[in-house]
Amino acid sequence: RAVMKALIAGLPEVLRQPLVLSAVEGMRSHEVAVVLGIPEGTVRTRVMRAKAELRRRFLAAQEVRA
């Protein structure tokens, strides 16, 4: 859990904000769009990119530990 928090904290702000609002706070993409003042499609794209980057960083961290 601590590793995931650190990985999320290390994301660029533009990816971290939509991810945290949707995945952690449970907001829908429309709500996140209103809060951040960006189009809903952009929210979905940024969340998708954030998740992909987290996967990449998590796997890289696992390889370092092995």
Protein backbone atom coordinates (compact mmCIF):
# COMPACT_ATOMS: atom_id res chain seq x y z
CA ARG A 1 0.00 0.00 0.00
CA ALA A 2 2.82 2.40 0.86
CA VAL A 3 4.49 1.61 -2.46
CA MET A 4 1.31 2.42 -4.37
CA LYS A 5 0.88 5.70 -2.48
CA ALA A 6 4.45 6.65 -3.35
CA LEU A 7 3.92 5.71 -6.99
CA ILE A 8 0.74 7.79 -7.17
CA ALA A 9 2.49 10.72 -5.50
CA GLY A 10 5.22 10.48 -8.13
CA LEU A 11 2.85 10.90 -11.05
CA PRO A 12 2.74 14.24 -12.83
CA GLU A 13 0.00 16.46 -11.38
CA VAL A 14 -1.94 16.39 -14.66
CA LEU A 15 -2.33 12.60 -14.30
CA ARG A 16 -2.46 12.37 -10.51
CA GLN A 17 -5.43 14.70 -9.97
CA PRO A 18 -7.94 12.89 -12.21
CA LEU A 19 -6.77 9.50 -10.95
CA VAL A 20 -7.14 10.41 -7.29
CA LEU A 21 -10.52 12.06 -7.79
CA SER A 22 -11.91 9.11 -9.72
CA ALA A 23 -10.21 6.06 -8.22
CA VAL A 24 -9.67 7.20 -4.65
CA GLU A 25 -12.50 9.68 -4.10
CA GLY A 26 -14.97 7.69 -6.22
CA MET A 27 -16.06 10.58 -8.41
CA ARG A 28 -17.51 9.92 -11.86
CA SER A 29 -15.65 11.26 -14.88
CA HIS A 30 -18.27 13.98 -15.38
CA GLU A 31 -17.79 15.19 -11.80
CA VAL A 32 -14.00 15.16 -12.15
CA ALA A 33 -14.33 17.14 -15.38
CA VAL A 34 -16.39 19.82 -13.63
CA VAL A 35 -13.99 20.03 -10.68
CA LEU A 36 -10.89 20.26 -12.88
CA GLY A 37 -12.50 22.35 -15.61
CA ILE A 38 -11.52 19.97 -18.41
CA PRO A 39 -13.56 17.90 -20.89
CA GLU A 40 -14.88 14.56 -19.69
CA GLY A 41 -13.03 12.72 -22.45
CA THR A 42 -9.79 14.27 -21.25
CA VAL A 43 -10.51 12.98 -17.75
CA ARG A 44 -10.96 9.44 -19.05
CA THR A 45 -7.79 9.67 -21.15
CA ARG A 46 -5.73 10.98 -18.24
CA VAL A 47 -7.02 8.32 -15.88
CA MET A 48 -6.18 5.65 -18.44
CA ARG A 49 -2.68 7.08 -18.91
CA ALA A 50 -2.18 7.37 -15.14
CA LYS A 51 -3.13 3.72 -14.63
CA ALA A 52 -0.81 2.62 -17.44
CA GLU A 53 2.04 4.63 -15.95
CA LEU A 54 1.37 3.19 -12.48
CA ARG A 55 1.46 -0.34 -13.92
CA ARG A 56 4.75 0.41 -15.67
CA ARG A 57 6.32 1.91 -12.55
CA PHE A 58 5.00 -0.86 -10.29
CA LEU A 59 6.40 -3.58 -12.55
CA ALA A 60 9.73 -1.76 -12.75
CA ALA A 61 9.85 -1.53 -8.95
CA GLN A 62 9.11 -5.27 -8.68
CA GLU A 63 11.96 -6.08 -11.05
CA VAL A 64 14.36 -4.02 -8.96
CA ARG A 65 13.36 -5.95 -5.83
CA ALA A 66 13.77 -9.36 -7.48
